[in-house]
């Protein structure tokens, strides 16, 4: 039985992230866990742990429970359609993890959410 990601795109992303230090290496370690162990977060919880203008990484899935009233930029492995609508309605952005890595390769100013 194999543990961890089997998706080729995810494995390529893990390889890229492992070459970096700090935040991105930690993200790659979390992604390497089985899908059941990856973090999930509702939009309502995201609203509680972030402030307006924050940039955050969630190495898991963003779900639509709750409401958010401030704009945040979040990079995640996946997000439900309803969660994307809620974030975009609050003038925020939902990016894929690969896009977030390209935009913030140094990792400065990016918060890791678990």
N, C-alpha and C. Protein backbone atom coordinates (compact mmCIF):
# COMPACT_ATOMS: atom_id res chain seq x y z
N UNK A 1 0.84 -1.17 0.00
CA UNK A 1 0.00 0.00 0.00
C UNK A 1 0.89 1.24 0.00
N UNK A 2 0.56 2.20 -0.86
CA UNK A 2 1.35 3.42 -0.98
C UNK A 2 0.72 4.54 -0.18
N UNK A 3 1.55 5.31 0.48
CA UNK A 3 1.09 6.46 1.24
C UNK A 3 1.60 7.72 0.58
N UNK A 4 0.82 8.76 0.66
CA UNK A 4 1.23 10.03 0.09
C UNK A 4 0.68 10.23 -1.30
N UNK A 5 1.10 11.29 -1.96
CA UNK A 5 0.51 11.65 -3.25
C UNK A 5 0.93 10.70 -4.37
N UNK A 6 -0.02 10.36 -5.23
CA UNK A 6 0.27 9.55 -6.40
C UNK A 6 0.08 10.36 -7.67
N UNK A 7 -0.56 11.50 -7.56
CA UNK A 7 -0.80 12.38 -8.69
C UNK A 7 0.55 12.92 -9.18
N UNK A 8 0.80 12.82 -10.47
CA UNK A 8 2.08 13.23 -11.02
C UNK A 8 2.32 14.73 -10.84
N UNK A 9 1.27 15.54 -11.02
CA UNK A 9 1.42 16.99 -10.85
C UNK A 9 1.78 17.33 -9.41
N UNK A 10 1.18 16.64 -8.46
CA UNK A 10 1.49 16.88 -7.05
C UNK A 10 2.92 16.47 -6.75
N UNK A 11 3.37 15.37 -7.30
CA UNK A 11 4.74 14.92 -7.08
C UNK A 11 5.75 15.92 -7.65
N UNK A 12 5.44 16.49 -8.82
CA UNK A 12 6.32 17.50 -9.41
C UNK A 12 6.37 18.75 -8.53
N UNK A 13 5.21 19.14 -8.01
CA UNK A 13 5.16 20.30 -7.12
C UNK A 13 5.98 20.05 -5.86
N UNK A 14 5.87 18.87 -5.29
CA UNK A 14 6.63 18.52 -4.08
C UNK A 14 8.13 18.62 -4.37
N UNK A 15 8.55 18.15 -5.53
CA UNK A 15 9.96 18.22 -5.91
C UNK A 15 10.44 19.67 -5.98
N UNK A 16 9.62 20.55 -6.58
CA UNK A 16 9.98 21.97 -6.66
C UNK A 16 10.07 22.60 -5.27
N UNK A 17 9.07 22.31 -4.45
CA UNK A 17 9.01 22.94 -3.13
C UNK A 17 10.13 22.46 -2.22
N UNK A 18 10.54 21.21 -2.37
CA UNK A 18 11.61 20.66 -1.53
C UNK A 18 12.95 21.35 -1.77
N UNK A 19 13.11 21.96 -2.95
CA UNK A 19 14.37 22.64 -3.26
C UNK A 19 14.50 23.96 -2.51
N UNK A 20 13.38 24.48 -2.04
CA UNK A 20 13.38 25.74 -1.28
C UNK A 20 13.53 25.45 0.20
N UNK A 21 13.79 26.49 0.96
CA UNK A 21 13.90 26.34 2.41
C UNK A 21 12.72 27.01 3.08
N UNK A 22 12.60 26.79 4.35
CA UNK A 22 11.60 27.49 5.15
C UNK A 22 10.17 27.08 4.87
N UNK A 23 9.35 28.06 4.55
CA UNK A 23 7.91 27.87 4.38
C UNK A 23 7.59 26.82 3.33
N UNK A 24 8.21 26.91 2.17
CA UNK A 24 7.85 26.01 1.07
C UNK A 24 8.27 24.58 1.34
N UNK A 25 9.35 24.37 2.06
CA UNK A 25 9.74 23.01 2.42
C UNK A 25 8.72 22.41 3.39
N UNK A 26 8.25 23.21 4.33
CA UNK A 26 7.22 22.75 5.27
C UNK A 26 5.93 22.41 4.52
N UNK A 27 5.57 23.23 3.55
CA UNK A 27 4.38 22.96 2.73
C UNK A 27 4.54 21.63 2.00
N UNK A 28 5.72 21.37 1.45
CA UNK A 28 5.94 20.11 0.72
C UNK A 28 5.83 18.91 1.64
N UNK A 29 6.27 19.04 2.89
CA UNK A 29 6.14 17.94 3.84
C UNK A 29 4.68 17.65 4.15
N UNK A 30 3.87 18.69 4.26
CA UNK A 30 2.45 18.50 4.54
C UNK A 30 1.75 17.87 3.34
N UNK A 31 2.12 18.29 2.13
CA UNK A 31 1.51 17.75 0.92
C UNK A 31 1.85 16.27 0.76
N UNK A 32 3.03 15.86 1.21
CA UNK A 32 3.44 14.47 1.09
C UNK A 32 2.62 13.52 1.96
N UNK A 33 1.90 14.05 2.90
CA UNK A 33 1.06 13.20 3.76
C UNK A 33 -0.11 12.67 2.93
N UNK A 34 -0.77 11.67 3.46
CA UNK A 34 -1.93 11.14 2.77
C UNK A 34 -3.02 12.20 2.72
N UNK A 35 -3.93 12.07 1.78
CA UNK A 35 -4.96 13.08 1.57
C UNK A 35 -5.82 13.28 2.81
N UNK A 36 -6.04 12.23 3.57
CA UNK A 36 -6.85 12.34 4.78
C UNK A 36 -6.17 13.16 5.86
N UNK A 37 -4.86 13.26 5.82
CA UNK A 37 -4.12 14.01 6.85
C UNK A 37 -3.85 15.46 6.45
N UNK A 38 -4.18 15.82 5.22
CA UNK A 38 -3.99 17.20 4.80
C UNK A 38 -5.04 18.08 5.45
N UNK A 39 -4.68 19.31 5.78
CA UNK A 39 -5.65 20.17 6.48
C UNK A 39 -6.79 20.63 5.57
N UNK A 40 -7.95 20.78 6.18
CA UNK A 40 -9.10 21.39 5.53
C UNK A 40 -9.50 22.58 6.37
N UNK A 41 -10.00 23.62 5.73
CA UNK A 41 -10.39 24.81 6.48
C UNK A 41 -11.64 25.41 5.86
N UNK A 42 -12.57 25.81 6.70
CA UNK A 42 -13.76 26.51 6.24
C UNK A 42 -13.46 27.99 6.08
N UNK A 43 -14.24 28.65 5.24
CA UNK A 43 -14.08 30.08 5.00
C UNK A 43 -14.27 30.87 6.30
N UNK A 44 -15.19 30.44 7.15
CA UNK A 44 -15.42 31.14 8.42
C UNK A 44 -14.19 31.11 9.31
N UNK A 45 -13.51 29.98 9.38
CA UNK A 45 -12.28 29.89 10.17
C UNK A 45 -11.18 30.74 9.54
N UNK A 46 -11.12 30.74 8.22
CA UNK A 46 -10.15 31.58 7.52
C UNK A 46 -10.36 33.05 7.88
N UNK A 47 -11.61 33.46 7.99
CA UNK A 47 -11.92 34.84 8.35
C UNK A 47 -11.42 35.17 9.76
N UNK A 48 -11.45 34.19 10.66
CA UNK A 48 -11.01 34.42 12.03
C UNK A 48 -9.49 34.52 12.15
N UNK A 49 -8.76 33.75 11.36
CA UNK A 49 -7.30 33.69 11.52
C UNK A 49 -6.54 34.63 10.60
N UNK A 50 -7.23 35.34 9.71
CA UNK A 50 -6.56 36.28 8.82
C UNK A 50 -7.11 37.69 9.01
N UNK A 51 -6.35 38.66 8.48
CA UNK A 51 -6.78 40.05 8.47
C UNK A 51 -6.89 40.49 7.01
N UNK A 52 -7.43 41.65 6.79
CA UNK A 52 -7.56 42.18 5.44
C UNK A 52 -6.18 42.33 4.80
N UNK A 53 -6.06 41.85 3.57
CA UNK A 53 -4.82 41.97 2.83
C UNK A 53 -3.80 40.88 3.09
N UNK A 54 -4.11 39.91 3.94
CA UNK A 54 -3.17 38.82 4.23
C UNK A 54 -2.98 37.92 3.01
N UNK A 55 -1.80 37.32 2.94
CA UNK A 55 -1.48 36.31 1.94
C UNK A 55 -1.20 35.03 2.71
N UNK A 56 -1.92 33.96 2.38
CA UNK A 56 -1.81 32.72 3.16
C UNK A 56 -1.76 31.51 2.24
N UNK A 57 -1.15 30.44 2.76
CA UNK A 57 -1.07 29.16 2.06
C UNK A 57 -1.76 28.10 2.89
N UNK A 58 -2.64 27.34 2.27
CA UNK A 58 -3.31 26.22 2.91
C UNK A 58 -2.96 24.97 2.10
N UNK A 59 -2.08 24.10 2.61
CA UNK A 59 -1.70 22.91 1.85
C UNK A 59 -2.77 21.82 1.97
N UNK A 60 -3.98 22.18 1.69
CA UNK A 60 -5.12 21.27 1.76
C UNK A 60 -6.27 21.87 0.99
N UNK A 61 -7.48 21.63 1.47
CA UNK A 61 -8.68 22.08 0.76
C UNK A 61 -9.41 23.17 1.53
N UNK A 62 -9.90 24.15 0.80
CA UNK A 62 -10.70 25.24 1.36
C UNK A 62 -12.17 24.92 1.13
N UNK A 63 -12.95 24.90 2.22
CA UNK A 63 -14.37 24.56 2.16
C UNK A 63 -15.22 25.80 2.41
N UNK A 64 -16.52 25.71 2.12
CA UNK A 64 -17.35 26.91 2.07
C UNK A 64 -18.10 27.26 3.35
N UNK A 65 -17.90 26.58 4.44
CA UNK A 65 -18.64 26.89 5.66
C UNK A 65 -18.28 28.24 6.23
N UNK A 66 -19.28 29.05 6.56
CA UNK A 66 -19.03 30.35 7.17
C UNK A 66 -19.00 31.48 6.16
N UNK A 67 -18.68 32.66 6.67
CA UNK A 67 -18.65 33.88 5.85
C UNK A 67 -17.32 34.61 6.05
N UNK A 68 -16.94 35.40 5.07
CA UNK A 68 -15.75 36.24 5.18
C UNK A 68 -16.10 37.62 4.63
N UNK A 69 -15.60 38.65 5.28
CA UNK A 69 -15.94 40.02 4.88
C UNK A 69 -14.72 40.83 4.45
N UNK A 70 -13.52 40.28 4.58
CA UNK A 70 -12.32 41.01 4.18
C UNK A 70 -11.58 40.25 3.07
N UNK A 71 -10.79 40.99 2.31
CA UNK A 71 -10.08 40.42 1.17
C UNK A 71 -8.80 39.74 1.63
N UNK A 72 -8.62 38.50 1.19
CA UNK A 72 -7.39 37.76 1.44
C UNK A 72 -6.98 37.08 0.14
N UNK A 73 -5.71 36.78 0.03
CA UNK A 73 -5.20 35.98 -1.08
C UNK A 73 -4.77 34.66 -0.48
N UNK A 74 -5.35 33.57 -0.97
CA UNK A 74 -5.03 32.26 -0.42
C UNK A 74 -4.64 31.30 -1.53
N UNK A 75 -3.56 30.59 -1.30
CA UNK A 75 -3.13 29.54 -2.21
C UNK A 75 -3.43 28.21 -1.55
N UNK A 76 -4.11 27.31 -2.27
CA UNK A 76 -4.49 26.04 -1.67
C UNK A 76 -4.44 24.93 -2.72
N UNK A 77 -4.45 23.69 -2.23
CA UNK A 77 -4.46 22.53 -3.12
C UNK A 77 -5.77 22.46 -3.89
N UNK A 78 -6.84 22.83 -3.24
CA UNK A 78 -8.15 22.80 -3.88
C UNK A 78 -9.12 23.63 -3.08
N UNK A 79 -10.18 24.06 -3.74
CA UNK A 79 -11.21 24.85 -3.06
C UNK A 79 -12.55 24.51 -3.69
N UNK A 80 -13.57 24.43 -2.88
CA UNK A 80 -14.91 24.18 -3.42
C UNK A 80 -15.37 25.41 -4.19
N UNK A 81 -16.30 25.20 -5.10
CA UNK A 81 -16.80 26.30 -5.93
C UNK A 81 -17.45 27.38 -5.06
N UNK A 82 -18.19 26.97 -4.05
CA UNK A 82 -18.85 27.93 -3.16
C UNK A 82 -17.82 28.73 -2.36
N UNK A 83 -16.73 28.09 -1.95
CA UNK A 83 -15.68 28.80 -1.21
C UNK A 83 -15.03 29.86 -2.10
N UNK A 84 -14.77 29.51 -3.36
CA UNK A 84 -14.19 30.49 -4.29
C UNK A 84 -15.10 31.69 -4.46
N UNK A 85 -16.40 31.43 -4.59
CA UNK A 85 -17.36 32.53 -4.76
C UNK A 85 -17.35 33.46 -3.55
N UNK A 86 -17.29 32.88 -2.35
CA UNK A 86 -17.30 33.69 -1.13
C UNK A 86 -16.05 34.55 -1.02
N UNK A 87 -14.89 33.98 -1.33
CA UNK A 87 -13.63 34.73 -1.26
C UNK A 87 -13.63 35.85 -2.31
N UNK A 88 -14.05 35.52 -3.53
CA UNK A 88 -14.06 36.52 -4.60
C UNK A 88 -15.11 37.60 -4.35
N UNK A 89 -16.21 37.26 -3.69
CA UNK A 89 -17.23 38.26 -3.35
C UNK A 89 -16.68 39.27 -2.34
N UNK A 90 -15.72 38.84 -1.53
CA UNK A 90 -15.09 39.73 -0.55
C UNK A 90 -13.86 40.42 -1.15
N UNK A 91 -13.72 40.37 -2.48
CA UNK A 91 -12.61 41.00 -3.21
C UNK A 91 -11.27 40.30 -2.96
N UNK A 92 -11.31 39.03 -2.61
CA UNK A 92 -10.09 38.26 -2.39
C UNK A 92 -9.76 37.40 -3.61
N UNK A 93 -8.68 36.62 -3.50
CA UNK A 93 -8.25 35.75 -4.59
C UNK A 93 -7.99 34.35 -4.06
N UNK A 94 -8.35 33.36 -4.85
CA UNK A 94 -8.02 31.97 -4.55
C UNK A 94 -7.10 31.49 -5.66
N UNK A 95 -5.88 31.13 -5.29
CA UNK A 95 -4.88 30.66 -6.25
C UNK A 95 -4.56 29.20 -6.00
N UNK A 96 -4.14 28.53 -7.06
CA UNK A 96 -3.63 27.17 -6.87
C UNK A 96 -2.26 27.29 -6.20
N UNK A 97 -1.84 26.22 -5.59
CA UNK A 97 -0.57 26.23 -4.86
C UNK A 97 0.60 26.55 -5.79
N UNK A 98 0.55 26.04 -7.03
CA UNK A 98 1.62 26.30 -7.99
C UNK A 98 1.72 27.79 -8.31
N UNK A 99 0.56 28.43 -8.50
CA UNK A 99 0.54 29.87 -8.79
C UNK A 99 1.08 30.68 -7.62
N UNK A 100 0.71 30.27 -6.43
CA UNK A 100 1.18 30.96 -5.22
C UNK A 100 2.70 30.83 -5.10
N UNK A 101 3.23 29.66 -5.42
CA UNK A 101 4.68 29.44 -5.35
C UNK A 101 5.41 30.34 -6.34
N UNK A 102 4.85 30.50 -7.53
CA UNK A 102 5.48 31.36 -8.54
C UNK A 102 5.46 32.82 -8.10
N UNK A 103 4.32 33.29 -7.56
CA UNK A 103 4.19 34.69 -7.17
C UNK A 103 4.99 35.03 -5.91
N UNK A 104 5.09 34.09 -4.99
CA UNK A 104 5.75 34.35 -3.71
C UNK A 104 6.83 33.29 -3.46
N UNK A 105 7.78 33.19 -4.38
CA UNK A 105 8.81 32.15 -4.29
C UNK A 105 9.68 32.30 -3.05
N UNK A 106 9.89 33.53 -2.59
CA UNK A 106 10.73 33.72 -1.40
C UNK A 106 9.99 33.38 -0.12
N UNK A 107 8.67 33.39 -0.15
CA UNK A 107 7.88 33.01 1.03
C UNK A 107 7.72 34.11 2.06
N UNK A 108 8.23 35.29 1.77
CA UNK A 108 8.13 36.39 2.75
C UNK A 108 6.73 36.98 2.73
N UNK A 109 6.18 37.18 3.91
CA UNK A 109 4.85 37.75 4.03
C UNK A 109 3.73 36.76 3.81
N UNK A 110 4.06 35.48 3.69
CA UNK A 110 3.06 34.44 3.45
C UNK A 110 2.87 33.65 4.74
N UNK A 111 1.62 33.48 5.15
CA UNK A 111 1.31 32.72 6.37
C UNK A 111 0.93 31.29 6.00
N UNK A 112 1.39 30.35 6.80
CA UNK A 112 1.04 28.94 6.63
C UNK A 112 -0.14 28.62 7.53
N UNK A 113 -1.21 28.12 6.95
CA UNK A 113 -2.41 27.75 7.70
C UNK A 113 -2.49 26.24 7.79
N UNK A 114 -2.89 25.77 8.97
CA UNK A 114 -3.05 24.31 9.14
C UNK A 114 -4.41 24.02 9.70
